[in-house]
Protein backbone atom coordinates (compact mmCIF):
# COMPACT_ATOMS: atom_id res chain seq x y z
CA UNK A 1 72.96 82.88 125.55
CA UNK A 2 71.65 79.35 126.14
CA UNK A 3 68.09 80.42 125.25
CA UNK A 4 69.33 82.04 122.03
CA UNK A 5 71.14 78.79 121.10
CA UNK A 6 68.03 76.68 121.76
CA UNK A 7 65.74 78.94 119.73
CA UNK A 8 68.27 79.06 116.86
CA UNK A 9 68.66 75.27 116.85
CA UNK A 10 64.89 74.77 116.84
CA UNK A 11 64.47 77.22 113.94
CA UNK A 12 67.23 75.51 111.94
CA UNK A 13 65.66 72.10 112.52
CA UNK A 14 62.23 73.44 111.47
CA UNK A 15 63.71 74.59 108.14
CA UNK A 16 65.97 71.55 107.55
CA UNK A 17 63.56 68.68 108.30
CA UNK A 18 61.26 69.20 105.27
CA UNK A 19 64.31 69.25 102.98
CA UNK A 20 65.62 65.97 104.44
CA UNK A 21 62.18 64.40 104.15
CA UNK A 22 61.80 65.14 100.43
CA UNK A 23 64.08 62.27 99.41
CA UNK A 24 63.18 59.97 102.27
CA UNK A 25 60.66 57.63 100.68
CA UNK A 26 57.44 57.62 98.75
CA UNK A 27 53.80 56.76 99.17
CA UNK A 28 52.32 53.46 98.05
CA UNK A 29 49.29 53.46 95.74
CA UNK A 30 46.95 53.28 98.78
CA UNK A 31 48.60 56.35 100.40
CA UNK A 32 50.47 54.39 103.07
CA UNK A 33 53.91 55.67 104.03
CA UNK A 34 56.75 53.45 102.77
CA UNK A 35 59.57 55.53 104.21
CA UNK A 36 61.66 54.10 107.02
CA UNK A 37 62.49 57.56 108.42
CA UNK A 38 59.81 60.06 109.42
CA UNK A 39 60.92 63.51 110.61
CA UNK A 40 58.34 65.68 112.36
CA UNK A 41 57.75 69.00 114.13
CA UNK A 42 54.97 69.95 116.49
CA UNK A 43 53.44 72.51 118.83
CA UNK A 44 51.61 71.59 122.01
CA UNK A 45 50.13 73.22 125.07
CA UNK A 46 49.46 72.00 128.58
CA UNK A 47 50.09 72.33 132.29
CA UNK A 48 52.76 71.11 134.70
CA UNK A 49 52.71 70.85 138.48
CA UNK A 50 55.75 69.86 140.52
CA UNK A 51 55.72 68.10 143.90
CA UNK A 52 56.65 70.10 146.97
CA UNK A 53 58.77 67.41 148.66
CA UNK A 54 62.31 67.22 149.95
CA UNK A 55 64.71 65.50 147.53
CA UNK A 56 62.39 66.00 144.55
CA UNK A 57 65.22 67.47 142.47
CA UNK A 58 63.66 70.95 142.47
CA UNK A 59 63.50 73.70 145.11
CA UNK A 60 61.02 73.21 147.92
CA UNK A 61 58.61 76.02 148.74
CA UNK A 62 58.41 77.03 152.40
CA UNK A 63 54.62 76.88 152.18
CA UNK A 64 53.70 73.17 151.92
CA UNK A 65 50.57 73.97 149.88
CA UNK A 66 52.47 76.13 147.36
CA UNK A 67 53.58 73.95 144.44
CA UNK A 68 55.52 75.13 141.42
CA UNK A 69 53.18 74.98 138.40
CA UNK A 70 52.05 76.75 135.28
CA UNK A 71 50.65 76.72 131.76
CA UNK A 72 53.10 75.80 129.00
CA UNK A 73 53.66 76.01 125.24
CA UNK A 74 56.00 73.36 123.80
CA UNK A 75 57.79 72.97 120.47
CA UNK A 76 59.04 69.50 119.49
CA UNK A 77 61.25 68.26 116.67
CA UNK A 78 62.21 64.65 116.06
CA UNK A 79 62.48 61.68 113.79
CA UNK A 80 60.99 58.16 113.92
CA UNK A 81 62.56 55.13 112.27
CA UNK A 82 60.62 51.98 111.43
CA UNK A 83 62.28 48.93 112.98
CA UNK A 84 60.08 46.04 111.84
CA UNK A 85 56.44 45.98 110.86
CA UNK A 86 54.55 48.39 113.11
CA UNK A 87 57.46 48.89 115.58
CA UNK A 88 59.37 52.19 115.55
CA UNK A 89 62.05 54.00 117.54
CA UNK A 90 62.74 57.71 117.54
CA UNK A 91 64.49 60.66 119.07
CA UNK A 92 62.93 63.97 119.99
CA UNK A 93 64.00 67.35 121.33
CA UNK A 94 61.75 69.88 122.99
CA UNK A 95 61.72 73.48 124.15
CA UNK A 96 59.01 74.61 126.57
CA UNK A 97 58.08 78.15 127.56
CA UNK A 98 55.95 78.87 130.60
CA UNK A 99 53.13 81.30 129.72
CA UNK A 100 51.71 81.67 133.24
CA UNK A 101 52.74 80.47 136.68
CA UNK A 102 56.18 79.61 138.08
CA UNK A 103 57.90 77.88 135.11
CA UNK A 104 60.14 79.99 132.88
CA UNK A 105 61.84 77.55 130.44
CA UNK A 106 62.28 73.81 130.05
CA UNK A 107 64.24 71.94 127.42
CA UNK A 108 65.34 68.36 126.87
CA UNK A 109 65.68 65.32 124.67
CA UNK A 110 64.15 61.85 124.76
CA UNK A 111 64.15 58.54 122.96
CA UNK A 112 60.83 57.03 121.90
CA UNK A 113 59.73 53.48 121.19
CA UNK A 114 56.27 52.43 120.10
CA UNK A 115 53.92 50.80 117.65
CA UNK A 116 51.99 52.17 114.71
CA UNK A 117 48.23 51.73 114.75
CA UNK A 118 46.91 51.66 111.20
CA UNK A 119 48.40 54.10 108.70
CA UNK A 120 48.56 57.23 110.85
CA UNK A 121 48.32 56.34 114.52
CA UNK A 122 51.09 55.87 117.09
CA UNK A 123 51.28 54.59 120.66
CA UNK A 124 54.63 55.20 122.35
CA UNK A 125 56.65 55.46 125.53
CA UNK A 126 59.58 57.80 125.98
CA UNK A 127 62.55 58.33 128.28
CA UNK A 128 64.99 61.23 128.29
CA UNK A 129 66.53 64.09 130.21
CA UNK A 130 64.88 67.45 130.99
CA UNK A 131 66.11 70.79 132.38
CA UNK A 132 63.71 73.21 134.11
CA UNK A 133 64.10 76.86 135.14
CA UNK A 134 61.60 78.69 137.36
CA UNK A 135 60.51 82.38 137.21
CA UNK A 136 59.77 82.28 140.92
CA UNK A 137 63.49 82.30 141.81
CA UNK A 138 64.53 85.30 139.68
CA UNK A 139 66.41 85.81 136.42
CA UNK A 140 69.61 84.16 137.60
CA UNK A 141 68.08 80.99 139.01
CA UNK A 142 69.83 77.78 138.08
CA UNK A 143 68.45 75.01 135.88
CA UNK A 144 67.17 71.93 137.69
CA UNK A 145 67.51 68.66 135.80
CA UNK A 146 66.37 65.05 135.98
CA UNK A 147 65.27 62.07 133.90
CA UNK A 148 61.88 62.38 132.24
CA UNK A 149 59.44 59.58 131.46
CA UNK A 150 56.27 59.67 129.41
CA UNK A 151 53.69 57.98 127.23
CA UNK A 152 51.52 59.23 124.43
CA UNK A 153 49.29 58.65 121.46
CA UNK A 154 49.05 60.30 118.04
CA UNK A 155 46.17 60.01 115.57
CA UNK A 156 45.96 61.69 112.20
CA UNK A 157 45.36 61.84 108.49
CA UNK A 158 47.27 60.74 105.39
CA UNK A 159 48.54 64.32 105.05
CA UNK A 160 50.91 63.72 107.99
CA UNK A 161 49.10 66.01 110.44
CA UNK A 162 48.43 64.24 113.74
CA UNK A 163 46.83 65.18 117.04
CA UNK A 164 49.11 64.22 119.93
CA UNK A 165 48.21 63.63 123.57
CA UNK A 166 51.03 62.93 126.02
CA UNK A 167 51.79 62.77 129.75
CA UNK A 168 55.33 63.19 131.15
CA UNK A 169 56.99 63.30 134.56
CA UNK A 170 60.13 64.98 135.93
CA UNK A 171 62.50 62.79 137.94
CA UNK A 172 60.94 59.95 139.90
CA UNK A 173 57.39 61.14 139.14
CA UNK A 174 57.92 64.52 140.86
CA UNK A 175 55.74 66.35 138.35
CA UNK A 176 52.83 65.69 136.06
CA UNK A 177 52.79 67.35 132.61
CA UNK A 178 49.78 66.56 130.38
CA UNK A 179 50.19 68.10 126.91
CA UNK A 180 48.12 68.11 123.71
CA UNK A 181 48.73 69.58 120.27
CA UNK A 182 49.48 69.06 116.60
CA UNK A 183 52.42 67.26 114.97
CA UNK A 184 53.30 67.44 111.26
CA UNK A 185 55.23 64.45 109.86
CA UNK A 186 57.16 64.81 106.61
């Protein structure tokens, strides 16, 4: 049921964000964005590997060399708000599906803060909360959860399409999740 709710919420946000963005500002004569709010959606892919340590916030494998890991596809939806000049803050939600390896689903939310670089670039840090579920422990395995921290960069065109590169962790740096993909700002 939880997975159905997450997928439904993501689909609703994907449909609603362009409608909200239509009356959210305009472009200056040079093409620069004058809007204070910038909703966006994106799709990314990457890899995550968890530590195999006691007290890491996730289950420990009996084999010390066996670490929970896998390839991932991630959907993101969020909004940025300009604070002053190039500074912005934002909120973002994500849903991640493991496509190979031990990870089944992940989902979470984070706040972002960063600076704009030129008209279409962003540098940011983020902090939030993430839940993870692993295929390795069967269909009824529980969700493991912890704070998540990350940093990233986006570069793009005036059309609002940006390439994003990002690295996140789970808990106190108990995983490494590099991701890359495309984001469309409205």
